[in-house]
């Protein structure tokens, strides 16, 4: 993976986008998602975000589900993402809750079936993966390592995961998987990309694959990415942003296009506050977030972000590659 050609005095960072269509939110509440025909995340949320990214000259990484790429309209939007110069990455095939508990063929199918569909649209190997709900496991990391992935980005480095699940259960009537947001122990993981120990993702190790954690606040380890900024306000983003700048670290900032929708008038989704706020209010917030990030960081796709970093010493003489053939046999 080559380094970006333009030289910038700013630290590097990346913006990631989880393209979760509305069926994902219904299924997270235990409701039947297959009956949800809406494509408004793809047809409204994604185009709005693409225009904002273009406004601030940002190239981002979009994590998509293989299941959505079987829908012609959503597939067309994915092709537009690529046409505008962004990276496509793997967000599993069907976004199942409790992803960390998957094993064997079920886990392989979620990775490989989605990978094949994304690669056909992307026109190159798929470099990255994110597990639904930050539900990471050593089993997943080992599978991605064998499959030749360049990076995983499933880890949310915060010790507050149990408290966050508790709060979401209060709002949603108890429908939150016990692996959502990951384990409290993940709060001790590094905040910037590292080669993990395949048996303990929170520790540095000698794996070839990179772990690219979603950035949480230095010292406090509180999430401040899009969903949380929309829910709690500008002050939360500004605090996390200032602490990251003060610490001098690169950033991995996460956005969901569903956050850019007009209010969704379904009382069953009322626990998702970002789906209830008018777009006019959210628009100003996202313009401010992207402006601050673009002024402070050299923002590139996640593959470029990790590709510009020196690999672990044992891999110095080797070019990191992402062989698709290996994925067919894992």
C-alpha atoms as a PDB file:
ATOM      1  CA  UNK A   1       0.000   0.000   0.000  1.00  0.00           C
ATOM      2  CA  UNK A   2       1.571   3.223  -1.124  1.00  0.00           C
ATOM      3  CA  UNK A   3       1.710   6.373   0.949  1.00  0.00           C
ATOM      4  CA  UNK A   4      -0.383   9.358  -0.145  1.00  0.00           C
ATOM      5  CA  UNK A   5       1.491  11.457  -2.674  1.00  0.00           C
ATOM      6  CA  UNK A   6       0.656  14.827  -1.130  1.00  0.00           C
ATOM      7  CA  UNK A   7       2.797  15.976   1.769  1.00  0.00           C
ATOM      8  CA  UNK A   8       1.010  17.595   4.689  1.00  0.00           C
ATOM      9  CA  UNK A   9       2.303  19.104   7.941  1.00  0.00           C
ATOM     10  CA  UNK A  10      -0.720  17.664   9.735  1.00  0.00           C
ATOM     11  CA  UNK A  11      -0.890  14.217  11.358  1.00  0.00           C
ATOM     12  CA  UNK A  12      -2.683  11.569   9.353  1.00  0.00           C
ATOM     13  CA  UNK A  13      -6.153  10.375  10.167  1.00  0.00           C
ATOM     14  CA  UNK A  14      -9.080   8.555   8.634  1.00  0.00           C
ATOM     15  CA  UNK A  15     -12.852   8.843   8.559  1.00  0.00           C
ATOM     16  CA  UNK A  16     -14.846   5.636   8.526  1.00  0.00           C
ATOM     17  CA  UNK A  17     -18.484   5.248   7.552  1.00  0.00           C
ATOM     18  CA  UNK A  18     -20.723   2.354   8.633  1.00  0.00           C
ATOM     19  CA  UNK A  19     -23.469   2.133   6.003  1.00  0.00           C
ATOM     20  CA  UNK A  20     -26.151   0.483   8.156  1.00  0.00           C
ATOM     21  CA  UNK A  21     -29.490   0.516   6.350  1.00  0.00           C
ATOM     22  CA  UNK A  22     -32.667   0.809   8.460  1.00  0.00           C
ATOM     23  CA  UNK A  23     -33.109  -2.965   8.633  1.00  0.00           C
ATOM     24  CA  UNK A  24     -30.004  -3.069  10.852  1.00  0.00           C
ATOM     25  CA  UNK A  25     -31.653  -0.842  13.462  1.00  0.00           C
ATOM     26  CA  UNK A  26     -34.855  -2.888  13.455  1.00  0.00           C
ATOM     27  CA  UNK A  27     -32.965  -6.150  13.870  1.00  0.00           C
ATOM     28  CA  UNK A  28     -30.886  -4.692  16.706  1.00  0.00           C
ATOM     29  CA  UNK A  29     -34.195  -4.295  18.568  1.00  0.00           C
ATOM     30  CA  UNK A  30     -35.276  -7.856  17.853  1.00  0.00           C
ATOM     31  CA  UNK A  31     -37.660  -6.782  15.080  1.00  0.00           C
ATOM     32  CA  UNK A  32     -37.837  -8.457  11.639  1.00  0.00           C
ATOM     33  CA  UNK A  33     -35.480  -6.537   9.387  1.00  0.00           C
ATOM     34  CA  UNK A  34     -36.210  -8.509   6.217  1.00  0.00           C
ATOM     35  CA  UNK A  35     -39.604  -6.779   6.032  1.00  0.00           C
ATOM     36  CA  UNK A  36     -37.976  -3.332   5.873  1.00  0.00           C
ATOM     37  CA  UNK A  37     -37.828  -2.306   2.216  1.00  0.00           C
ATOM     38  CA  UNK A  38     -36.579   1.238   2.823  1.00  0.00           C
ATOM     39  CA  UNK A  39     -33.259   2.280   1.271  1.00  0.00           C
ATOM     40  CA  UNK A  40     -33.159   5.804   2.691  1.00  0.00           C
ATOM     41  CA  UNK A  41     -29.746   5.363   4.308  1.00  0.00           C
ATOM     42  CA  UNK A  42     -28.282   4.561   0.887  1.00  0.00           C
ATOM     43  CA  UNK A  43     -30.356   7.019  -1.147  1.00  0.00           C
ATOM     44  CA  UNK A  44     -30.459   9.992   1.265  1.00  0.00           C
ATOM     45  CA  UNK A  45     -27.863   9.563   4.025  1.00  0.00           C
ATOM     46  CA  UNK A  46     -24.967   8.413   1.843  1.00  0.00           C
ATOM     47  CA  UNK A  47     -25.385  11.112  -0.871  1.00  0.00           C
ATOM     48  CA  UNK A  48     -25.564  13.825   1.785  1.00  0.00           C
ATOM     49  CA  UNK A  49     -22.386  12.526   3.368  1.00  0.00           C
ATOM     50  CA  UNK A  50     -20.619  12.164   0.015  1.00  0.00           C
ATOM     51  CA  UNK A  51     -21.352  15.813  -0.748  1.00  0.00           C
ATOM     52  CA  UNK A  52     -20.004  16.920   2.641  1.00  0.00           C
ATOM     53  CA  UNK A  53     -16.852  14.849   2.204  1.00  0.00           C
ATOM     54  CA  UNK A  54     -16.333  16.367  -1.230  1.00  0.00           C
ATOM     55  CA  UNK A  55     -16.855  19.853   0.212  1.00  0.00           C
ATOM     56  CA  UNK A  56     -13.964  19.301   2.617  1.00  0.00           C
ATOM     57  CA  UNK A  57     -11.854  17.263   0.164  1.00  0.00           C
ATOM     58  CA  UNK A  58     -11.952  14.140   2.331  1.00  0.00           C
ATOM     59  CA  UNK A  59     -11.596  10.581   1.097  1.00  0.00           C
ATOM     60  CA  UNK A  60     -13.140   8.093   3.517  1.00  0.00           C
ATOM     61  CA  UNK A  61     -13.681   4.356   4.020  1.00  0.00           C
ATOM     62  CA  UNK A  62     -17.239   3.003   3.739  1.00  0.00           C
ATOM     63  CA  UNK A  63     -18.019  -0.300   5.482  1.00  0.00           C
ATOM     64  CA  UNK A  64     -20.928  -2.030   3.743  1.00  0.00           C
ATOM     65  CA  UNK A  65     -22.877  -5.249   4.290  1.00  0.00           C
ATOM     66  CA  UNK A  66     -22.888  -7.863   1.545  1.00  0.00           C
ATOM     67  CA  UNK A  67     -26.625  -8.349   1.949  1.00  0.00           C
ATOM     68  CA  UNK A  68     -27.250  -4.765   0.833  1.00  0.00           C
ATOM     69  CA  UNK A  69     -25.241  -5.248  -2.346  1.00  0.00           C
ATOM     70  CA  UNK A  70     -27.848  -7.737  -3.592  1.00  0.00           C
ATOM     71  CA  UNK A  71     -30.254  -4.771  -3.887  1.00  0.00           C
ATOM     72  CA  UNK A  72     -29.779  -2.998  -7.280  1.00  0.00           C
ATOM     73  CA  UNK A  73     -30.391   0.526  -5.948  1.00  0.00           C
ATOM     74  CA  UNK A  74     -28.010   0.102  -3.016  1.00  0.00           C
ATOM     75  CA  UNK A  75     -25.444  -1.476  -5.326  1.00  0.00           C
ATOM     76  CA  UNK A  76     -25.620   1.608  -7.566  1.00  0.00           C
ATOM     77  CA  UNK A  77     -24.905   3.834  -4.549  1.00  0.00           C
ATOM     78  CA  UNK A  78     -21.931   1.655  -3.594  1.00  0.00           C
ATOM     79  CA  UNK A  79     -20.583   2.106  -7.116  1.00  0.00           C
ATOM     80  CA  UNK A  80     -20.985   5.885  -6.726  1.00  0.00           C
ATOM     81  CA  UNK A  81     -18.962   5.716  -3.489  1.00  0.00           C
ATOM     82  CA  UNK A  82     -16.124   4.099  -5.425  1.00  0.00           C
ATOM     83  CA  UNK A  83     -16.491   6.517  -8.344  1.00  0.00           C
ATOM     84  CA  UNK A  84     -15.954   9.417  -5.938  1.00  0.00           C
ATOM     85  CA  UNK A  85     -12.638   7.956  -4.818  1.00  0.00           C
ATOM     86  CA  UNK A  86     -13.542   6.346  -1.492  1.00  0.00           C
ATOM     87  CA  UNK A  87     -12.619   2.919  -0.143  1.00  0.00           C
ATOM     88  CA  UNK A  88     -15.127   0.082   0.312  1.00  0.00           C
ATOM     89  CA  UNK A  89     -14.597  -2.272   3.259  1.00  0.00           C
ATOM     90  CA  UNK A  90     -16.363  -5.279   4.762  1.00  0.00           C
ATOM     91  CA  UNK A  91     -19.018  -4.888   7.471  1.00  0.00           C
ATOM     92  CA  UNK A  92     -20.122  -8.570   7.357  1.00  0.00           C
ATOM     93  CA  UNK A  93     -22.791 -10.104   5.152  1.00  0.00           C
ATOM     94  CA  UNK A  94     -25.894  -9.784   7.348  1.00  0.00           C
ATOM     95  CA  UNK A  95     -24.808  -7.651  10.353  1.00  0.00           C
ATOM     96  CA  UNK A  96     -25.813 -10.233  13.005  1.00  0.00           C
ATOM     97  CA  UNK A  97     -25.929  -9.195  16.640  1.00  0.00           C
ATOM     98  CA  UNK A  98     -23.513 -11.042  18.909  1.00  0.00           C
ATOM     99  CA  UNK A  99     -20.879 -11.278  16.185  1.00  0.00           C
ATOM    100  CA  UNK A 100     -18.153 -12.201  18.695  1.00  0.00           C
ATOM    101  CA  UNK A 101     -19.964 -15.487  19.410  1.00  0.00           C
ATOM    102  CA  UNK A 102     -19.916 -16.682  15.791  1.00  0.00           C
ATOM    103  CA  UNK A 103     -17.650 -19.620  15.027  1.00  0.00           C
ATOM    104  CA  UNK A 104     -16.779 -21.957  12.183  1.00  0.00           C
ATOM    105  CA  UNK A 105     -18.746 -21.822   8.956  1.00  0.00           C
ATOM    106  CA  UNK A 106     -21.139 -19.148  10.202  1.00  0.00           C
ATOM    107  CA  UNK A 107     -18.283 -16.723  10.846  1.00  0.00           C
ATOM    108  CA  UNK A 108     -16.489 -17.570   7.601  1.00  0.00           C
ATOM    109  CA  UNK A 109     -19.671 -17.049   5.590  1.00  0.00           C
ATOM    110  CA  UNK A 110     -20.231 -13.602   7.105  1.00  0.00           C
ATOM    111  CA  UNK A 111     -16.738 -12.521   6.068  1.00  0.00           C
ATOM    112  CA  UNK A 112     -16.213 -14.313   2.756  1.00  0.00           C
ATOM    113  CA  UNK A 113     -19.676 -13.881   1.180  1.00  0.00           C
ATOM    114  CA  UNK A 114     -19.610 -10.159   1.820  1.00  0.00           C
ATOM    115  CA  UNK A 115     -15.987  -9.889   0.669  1.00  0.00           C
ATOM    116  CA  UNK A 116     -16.795 -11.355  -2.749  1.00  0.00           C
ATOM    117  CA  UNK A 117     -19.683  -8.963  -3.377  1.00  0.00           C
ATOM    118  CA  UNK A 118     -17.723  -5.899  -2.276  1.00  0.00           C
ATOM    119  CA  UNK A 119     -14.646  -6.817  -4.341  1.00  0.00           C
ATOM    120  CA  UNK A 120     -16.746  -7.039  -7.523  1.00  0.00           C
ATOM    121  CA  UNK A 121     -17.887  -3.434  -7.034  1.00  0.00           C
ATOM    122  CA  UNK A 122     -14.640  -2.079  -5.615  1.00  0.00           C
ATOM    123  CA  UNK A 123     -12.582  -3.600  -8.431  1.00  0.00           C
ATOM    124  CA  UNK A 124      -9.694  -4.532  -6.122  1.00  0.00           C
ATOM    125  CA  UNK A 125      -9.115  -6.621  -2.971  1.00  0.00           C
ATOM    126  CA  UNK A 126     -11.039  -5.621   0.143  1.00  0.00           C
ATOM    127  CA  UNK A 127      -8.510  -4.430   2.699  1.00  0.00           C
ATOM    128  CA  UNK A 128     -10.540  -3.894   5.871  1.00  0.00           C
ATOM    129  CA  UNK A 129     -13.226  -5.343   8.111  1.00  0.00           C
ATOM    130  CA  UNK A 130     -15.416  -4.095  10.941  1.00  0.00           C
ATOM    131  CA  UNK A 131     -17.556  -6.392  13.063  1.00  0.00           C
ATOM    132  CA  UNK A 132     -21.131  -5.257  13.748  1.00  0.00           C
ATOM    133  CA  UNK A 133     -21.512  -3.598  17.136  1.00  0.00           C
ATOM    134  CA  UNK A 134     -17.722  -3.522  17.783  1.00  0.00           C
ATOM    135  CA  UNK A 135     -18.216  -7.201  18.660  1.00  0.00           C
ATOM    136  CA  UNK A 136     -14.611  -8.342  18.224  1.00  0.00           C
ATOM    137  CA  UNK A 137     -13.186 -11.764  19.098  1.00  0.00           C
ATOM    138  CA  UNK A 138      -9.771 -13.440  18.775  1.00  0.00           C
ATOM    139  CA  UNK A 139     -11.446 -15.982  16.476  1.00  0.00           C
ATOM    140  CA  UNK A 140     -12.403 -13.212  14.057  1.00  0.00           C
ATOM    141  CA  UNK A 141      -8.919 -11.693  14.113  1.00  0.00           C
ATOM    142  CA  UNK A 142      -7.339 -15.056  13.342  1.00  0.00           C
ATOM    143  CA  UNK A 143      -9.721 -15.581  10.428  1.00  0.00           C
ATOM    144  CA  UNK A 144      -8.948 -12.132   8.991  1.00  0.00           C
ATOM    145  CA  UNK A 145      -5.220 -12.762   9.428  1.00  0.00           C
ATOM    146  CA  UNK A 146      -5.451 -16.030   7.473  1.00  0.00           C
ATOM    147  CA  UNK A 147      -7.585 -14.361   4.814  1.00  0.00           C
ATOM    148  CA  UNK A 148      -4.938 -11.724   4.190  1.00  0.00           C
ATOM    149  CA  UNK A 149      -6.808  -8.636   5.355  1.00  0.00           C
ATOM    150  CA  UNK A 150      -4.667  -5.549   5.831  1.00  0.00           C
ATOM    151  CA  UNK A 151      -6.620  -4.292   8.835  1.00  0.00           C
ATOM    152  CA  UNK A 152      -9.508  -4.830  11.222  1.00  0.00           C
ATOM    153  CA  UNK A 153     -11.335  -1.893  12.771  1.00  0.00           C
ATOM    154  CA  UNK A 154     -13.717  -3.589  15.204  1.00  0.00           C
ATOM    155  CA  UNK A 155     -12.270  -2.444  18.514  1.00  0.00           C
ATOM    156  CA  UNK A 156     -13.775   0.415  20.523  1.00  0.00           C
ATOM    157  CA  UNK A 157     -11.125   1.178  23.190  1.00  0.00           C
ATOM    158  CA  UNK A 158     -13.323   2.190  26.103  1.00  0.00           C
ATOM    159  CA  UNK A 159     -13.851   0.697  29.574  1.00  0.00           C
ATOM    160  CA  UNK A 160     -17.361   2.164  29.604  1.00  0.00           C
ATOM    161  CA  UNK A 161     -18.937  -0.527  27.371  1.00  0.00           C
ATOM    162  CA  UNK A 162     -21.040  -2.120  30.183  1.00  0.00           C
ATOM    163  CA  UNK A 163     -22.380   1.301  31.188  1.00  0.00           C
ATOM    164  CA  UNK A 164     -23.161   2.142  27.568  1.00  0.00           C
ATOM    165  CA  UNK A 165     -25.071  -1.130  27.140  1.00  0.00           C
ATOM    166  CA  UNK A 166     -27.001  -0.430  30.327  1.00  0.00           C
ATOM    167  CA  UNK A 167     -28.001   3.021  29.105  1.00  0.00           C
ATOM    168  CA  UNK A 168     -29.057   1.747  25.706  1.00  0.00           C
ATOM    169  CA  UNK A 169     -31.136  -1.011  27.305  1.00  0.00           C
ATOM    170  CA  UNK A 170     -33.045   1.608  29.275  1.00  0.00           C
ATOM    171  CA  UNK A 171     -33.862   3.451  26.061  1.00  0.00           C
ATOM    172  CA  UNK A 172     -34.605   0.440  23.864  1.00  0.00           C
ATOM    173  CA  UNK A 173     -36.530  -1.791  26.244  1.00  0.00           C
ATOM    174  CA  UNK A 174     -33.683  -4.207  26.857  1.00  0.00           C
ATOM    175  CA  UNK A 175     -32.727  -5.057  23.275  1.00  0.00           C
ATOM    176  CA  UNK A 176     -28.937  -4.774  23.409  1.00  0.00           C
ATOM    177  CA  UNK A 177     -26.630  -7.707  22.809  1.00  0.00           C
ATOM    178  CA  UNK A 178     -24.196  -8.429  25.642  1.00  0.00           C
ATOM    179  CA  UNK A 179     -21.229  -8.139  23.251  1.00  0.00           C
ATOM    180  CA  UNK A 180     -22.275  -4.753  21.850  1.00  0.00           C
ATOM    181  CA  UNK A 181     -19.549  -2.100  22.266  1.00  0.00           C
ATOM    182  CA  UNK A 182     -17.096  -4.882  23.177  1.00  0.00           C
ATOM    183  CA  UNK A 183     -15.618  -5.738  26.567  1.00  0.00           C
ATOM    184  CA  UNK A 184     -14.602  -3.336  29.323  1.00  0.00           C
ATOM    185  CA  UNK A 185     -11.072  -4.758  29.017  1.00  0.00           C
ATOM    186  CA  UNK A 186     -10.830  -3.174  25.554  1.00  0.00           C
ATOM    187  CA  UNK A 187     -10.412   0.136  27.350  1.00  0.00           C
ATOM    188  CA  UNK A 188      -6.743  -0.686  27.839  1.00  0.00           C
ATOM    189  CA  UNK A 189      -6.036  -1.120  24.118  1.00  0.00           C
ATOM    190  CA  UNK A 190      -3.928   1.425  22.188  1.00  0.00           C
ATOM    191  CA  UNK A 191      -5.756   4.366  20.616  1.00  0.00           C
ATOM    192  CA  UNK A 192      -3.824   4.293  17.341  1.00  0.00           C
ATOM    193  CA  UNK A 193      -3.174   1.478  14.808  1.00  0.00           C
ATOM    194  CA  UNK A 194      -1.084  -1.446  16.056  1.00  0.00           C
ATOM    195  CA  UNK A 195      -0.302  -5.071  15.249  1.00  0.00           C
ATOM    196  CA  UNK A 196      -2.337  -7.042  17.823  1.00  0.00           C
ATOM    197  CA  UNK A 197      -1.761 -10.238  19.720  1.00  0.00           C
ATOM    198  CA  UNK A 198      -4.185 -12.604  17.986  1.00  0.00           C
ATOM    199  CA  UNK A 199      -5.141 -14.168  21.319  1.00  0.00           C
ATOM    200  CA  UNK A 200      -5.681 -10.841  23.090  1.00  0.00           C
ATOM    201  CA  UNK A 201      -6.702  -7.986  20.780  1.00  0.00           C
ATOM    202  CA  UNK A 202      -6.017  -5.383  23.470  1.00  0.00           C
ATOM    203  CA  UNK A 203      -2.288  -6.128  23.441  1.00  0.00           C
ATOM    204  CA  UNK A 204       0.384  -5.412  20.856  1.00  0.00           C
ATOM    205  CA  UNK A 205       1.663  -8.575  19.219  1.00  0.00           C
ATOM    206  CA  UNK A 206       3.259 -10.004  16.113  1.00  0.00           C
ATOM    207  CA  UNK A 207       0.238 -10.397  13.828  1.00  0.00           C
ATOM    208  CA  UNK A 208       0.573  -9.167  10.266  1.00  0.00           C
ATOM    209  CA  UNK A 209      -2.881  -7.571  10.350  1.00  0.00           C
ATOM    210  CA  UNK A 210      -3.357  -4.086  11.800  1.00  0.00           C
ATOM    211  CA  UNK A 211      -5.988  -3.230  14.385  1.00  0.00           C
ATOM    212  CA  UNK A 212      -7.320   0.301  13.770  1.00  0.00           C
ATOM    213  CA  UNK A 213      -9.375   1.263  16.839  1.00  0.00           C
ATOM    214  CA  UNK A 214     -12.187   3.785  16.620  1.00  0.00           C
ATOM    215  CA  UNK A 215     -10.686   6.778  18.413  1.00  0.00           C
ATOM    216  CA  UNK A 216     -11.976   7.491  21.896  1.00  0.00           C
ATOM    217  CA  UNK A 217     -10.884  10.413  24.071  1.00  0.00           C
ATOM    218  CA  UNK A 218      -7.304  10.212  25.289  1.00  0.00           C
ATOM    219  CA  UNK A 219      -7.143   9.636  29.051  1.00  0.00           C
ATOM    220  CA  UNK A 220     -10.958   9.571  29.506  1.00  0.00           C
ATOM    221  CA  UNK A 221     -11.584   6.878  26.849  1.00  0.00           C
ATOM    222  CA  UNK A 222     -15.104   8.235  26.187  1.00  0.00           C
ATOM    223  CA  UNK A 223     -16.437   7.758  22.613  1.00  0.00           C
ATOM    224  CA  UNK A 224     -17.062  11.001  20.715  1.00  0.00           C
ATOM    225  CA  UNK A 225     -17.780   9.793  17.186  1.00  0.00           C
ATOM    226  CA  UNK A 226     -20.857  10.786  15.192  1.00  0.00           C
ATOM    227  CA  UNK A 227     -23.619   8.912  17.021  1.00  0.00           C
ATOM    228  CA  UNK A 228     -22.462  10.235  20.385  1.00  0.00           C
ATOM    229  CA  UNK A 229     -21.884  13.784  19.123  1.00  0.00           C
ATOM    230  CA  UNK A 230     -25.399  13.908  17.669  1.00  0.00           C
ATOM    231  CA  UNK A 231     -26.888  12.521  20.880  1.00  0.00           C
ATOM    232  CA  UNK A 232     -24.992  14.648  23.402  1.00  0.00           C
ATOM    233  CA  UNK A 233     -23.986  17.716  21.392  1.00  0.00           C
ATOM    234  CA  UNK A 234     -21.047  19.665  20.018  1.00  0.00           C
ATOM    235  CA  UNK A 235     -19.277  19.899  23.385  1.00  0.00           C
ATOM    236  CA  UNK A 236     -18.604  16.144  23.350  1.00  0.00           C
ATOM    237  CA  UNK A 237     -16.953  16.182  19.933  1.00  0.00           C
ATOM    238  CA  UNK A 238     -15.002  19.327  20.785  1.00  0.00           C
ATOM    239  CA  UNK A 239     -13.664  17.820  24.019  1.00  0.00           C
ATOM    240  CA  UNK A 240     -12.547  14.609  22.308  1.00  0.00           C
ATOM    241  CA  UNK A 241     -11.078  16.497  19.356  1.00  0.00           C
ATOM    242  CA  UNK A 242      -9.082  18.869  21.591  1.00  0.00           C
ATOM    243  CA  UNK A 243      -7.751  16.026  23.715  1.00  0.00           C
ATOM    244  CA  UNK A 244      -6.662  14.094  20.612  1.00  0.00           C
ATOM    245  CA  UNK A 245      -4.872  17.173  19.244  1.00  0.00           C
ATOM    246  CA  UNK A 246      -3.209  17.787  22.605  1.00  0.00           C
ATOM    247  CA  UNK A 247      -2.070  14.161  22.769  1.00  0.00           C
ATOM    248  CA  UNK A 248      -0.764  14.430  19.197  1.00  0.00           C
ATOM    249  CA  UNK A 249      -2.374  11.235  17.948  1.00  0.00           C
ATOM    250  CA  UNK A 250      -3.878  10.330  14.602  1.00  0.00           C
ATOM    251  CA  UNK A 251      -7.634   9.966  14.518  1.00  0.00           C
ATOM    252  CA  UNK A 252     -10.132   7.372  13.293  1.00  0.00           C
ATOM    253  CA  UNK A 253     -13.503   9.120  13.331  1.00  0.00           C
ATOM    254  CA  UNK A 254     -16.670   7.111  12.699  1.00  0.00           C
ATOM    255  CA  UNK A 255     -19.908   8.280  11.061  1.00  0.00           C
ATOM    256  CA  UNK A 256     -23.139   6.449  10.221  1.00  0.00           C
ATOM    257  CA  UNK A 257     -25.094   7.832   7.212  1.00  0.00           C
ATOM    258  CA  UNK A 258     -28.306   7.138   9.165  1.00  0.00           C
ATOM    259  CA  UNK A 259     -27.237  10.080  11.338  1.00  0.00           C
ATOM    260  CA  UNK A 260     -27.731  12.335   8.298  1.00  0.00           C
ATOM    261  CA  UNK A 261     -31.374  11.390   7.683  1.00  0.00           C
ATOM    262  CA  UNK A 262     -34.528  13.403   8.211  1.00  0.00           C
ATOM    263  CA  UNK A 263     -36.561  12.252  11.242  1.00  0.00           C
ATOM    264  CA  UNK A 264     -37.740   8.647  10.921  1.00  0.00           C
ATOM    265  CA  UNK A 265     -41.365   8.580  12.043  1.00  0.00           C
ATOM    266  CA  UNK A 266     -41.565   5.122  13.559  1.00  0.00           C
ATOM    267  CA  UNK A 267     -42.055   4.970  17.347  1.00  0.00           C
ATOM    268  CA  UNK A 268     -40.283   1.603  17.433  1.00  0.00           C
ATOM    269  CA  UNK A 269     -37.035   3.428  16.563  1.00  0.00           C
ATOM    270  CA  UNK A 270     -37.506   6.185  19.140  1.00  0.00           C
ATOM    271  CA  UNK A 271     -34.549   4.926  21.204  1.00  0.00           C
ATOM    272  CA  UNK A 272     -32.206   6.010  18.399  1.00  0.00           C
ATOM    273  CA  UNK A 273     -32.117   9.722  19.117  1.00  0.00           C
ATOM    274  CA  UNK A 274     -30.067  10.545  16.021  1.00  0.00           C
ATOM    275  CA  UNK A 275     -32.978   9.256  13.894  1.00  0.00           C
ATOM    276  CA  UNK A 276     -35.363  11.766  15.491  1.00  0.00           C
ATOM    277  CA  UNK A 277     -33.436  15.034  15.056  1.00  0.00           C
ATOM    278  CA  UNK A 278     -34.161  17.265  12.010  1.00  0.00           C
ATOM    279  CA  UNK A 279     -31.496  17.247   9.323  1.00  0.00           C
ATOM    280  CA  UNK A 280     -31.130  21.037   9.447  1.00  0.00           C
ATOM    281  CA  UNK A 281     -29.771  20.803  12.999  1.00  0.00           C
ATOM    282  CA  UNK A 282     -27.513  17.866  12.248  1.00  0.00           C
ATOM    283  CA  UNK A 283     -26.217  19.446   9.031  1.00  0.00           C
ATOM    284  CA  UNK A 284     -24.584  22.331  10.859  1.00  0.00           C
ATOM    285  CA  UNK A 285     -23.003  19.972  13.381  1.00  0.00           C
ATOM    286  CA  UNK A 286     -21.530  17.719  10.700  1.00  0.00           C
ATOM    287  CA  UNK A 287     -20.174  20.663   8.744  1.00  0.00           C
ATOM    288  CA  UNK A 288     -18.407  21.856  11.895  1.00  0.00           C
ATOM    289  CA  UNK A 289     -17.065  18.358  12.693  1.00  0.00           C
ATOM    290  CA  UNK A 290     -15.713  17.754   9.197  1.00  0.00           C
ATOM    291  CA  UNK A 291     -14.255  21.250   8.955  1.00  0.00           C
ATOM    292  CA  UNK A 292     -12.353  20.833  12.236  1.00  0.00           C
ATOM    293  CA  UNK A 293     -11.105  17.369  11.286  1.00  0.00           C
ATOM    294  CA  UNK A 294     -10.009  18.409   7.794  1.00  0.00           C
ATOM    295  CA  UNK A 295      -8.138  21.452   9.128  1.00  0.00           C
ATOM    296  CA  UNK A 296      -6.261  19.452  11.772  1.00  0.00           C
ATOM    297  CA  UNK A 297      -5.583  16.158   9.966  1.00  0.00           C
ATOM    298  CA  UNK A 298      -4.488  14.832   6.610  1.00  0.00           C
ATOM    299  CA  UNK A 299      -7.521  12.594   6.091  1.00  0.00           C
ATOM    300  CA  UNK A 300      -7.082   9.538   3.865  1.00  0.00           C
ATOM    301  CA  UNK A 301      -8.757   6.164   3.442  1.00  0.00           C
ATOM    302  CA  UNK A 302      -8.061   3.664   6.207  1.00  0.00           C
ATOM    303  CA  UNK A 303      -6.009   1.463   3.868  1.00  0.00           C
ATOM    304  CA  UNK A 304      -3.771   4.462   3.137  1.00  0.00           C
ATOM    305  CA  UNK A 305      -3.694   5.409   6.807  1.00  0.00           C
ATOM    306  CA  UNK A 306      -2.215   2.079   7.875  1.00  0.00           C
ATOM    307  CA  UNK A 307      -0.276   1.616   4.645  1.00  0.00           C
ATOM    308  CA  UNK A 308       1.735   4.751   5.386  1.00  0.00           C
ATOM    309  CA  UNK A 309       2.799   3.397   8.778  1.00  0.00           C
ATOM    310  CA  UNK A 310       5.925   1.251   9.158  1.00  0.00           C
ATOM    311  CA  UNK A 311       4.980  -2.418   9.638  1.00  0.00           C
ATOM    312  CA  UNK A 312       6.275  -4.485  12.539  1.00  0.00           C
ATOM    313  CA  UNK A 313       9.985  -5.244  12.198  1.00  0.00           C
ATOM    314  CA  UNK A 314       9.482  -8.882  11.227  1.00  0.00           C
ATOM    315  CA  UNK A 315       7.543  -7.725   8.151  1.00  0.00           C
ATOM    316  CA  UNK A 316       9.871  -4.888   7.114  1.00  0.00           C
ATOM    317  CA  UNK A 317      11.220  -6.788   4.120  1.00  0.00           C
ATOM    318  CA  UNK A 318       7.825  -7.970   2.952  1.00  0.00           C
ATOM    319  CA  UNK A 319       5.245  -6.033   0.974  1.00  0.00           C
ATOM    320  CA  UNK A 320       1.850  -6.255   2.678  1.00  0.00           C
ATOM    321  CA  UNK A 321      -0.661  -7.715   0.267  1.00  0.00           C
ATOM    322  CA  UNK A 322      -4.284  -8.798   0.411  1.00  0.00           C
ATOM    323  CA  UNK A 323      -4.668 -12.013  -1.605  1.00  0.00           C
ATOM    324  CA  UNK A 324      -8.254 -12.769  -2.578  1.00  0.00           C
ATOM    325  CA  UNK A 325      -7.508 -16.407  -3.350  1.00  0.00           C
ATOM    326  CA  UNK A 326      -6.729 -17.105   0.299  1.00  0.00           C
ATOM    327  CA  UNK A 327     -10.195 -15.938   1.250  1.00  0.00           C
ATOM    328  CA  UNK A 328     -11.809 -18.689  -0.741  1.00  0.00           C
ATOM    329  CA  UNK A 329     -10.239 -21.412   1.383  1.00  0.00           C
ATOM    330  CA  UNK A 330     -10.190 -20.024   4.949  1.00  0.00           C
END
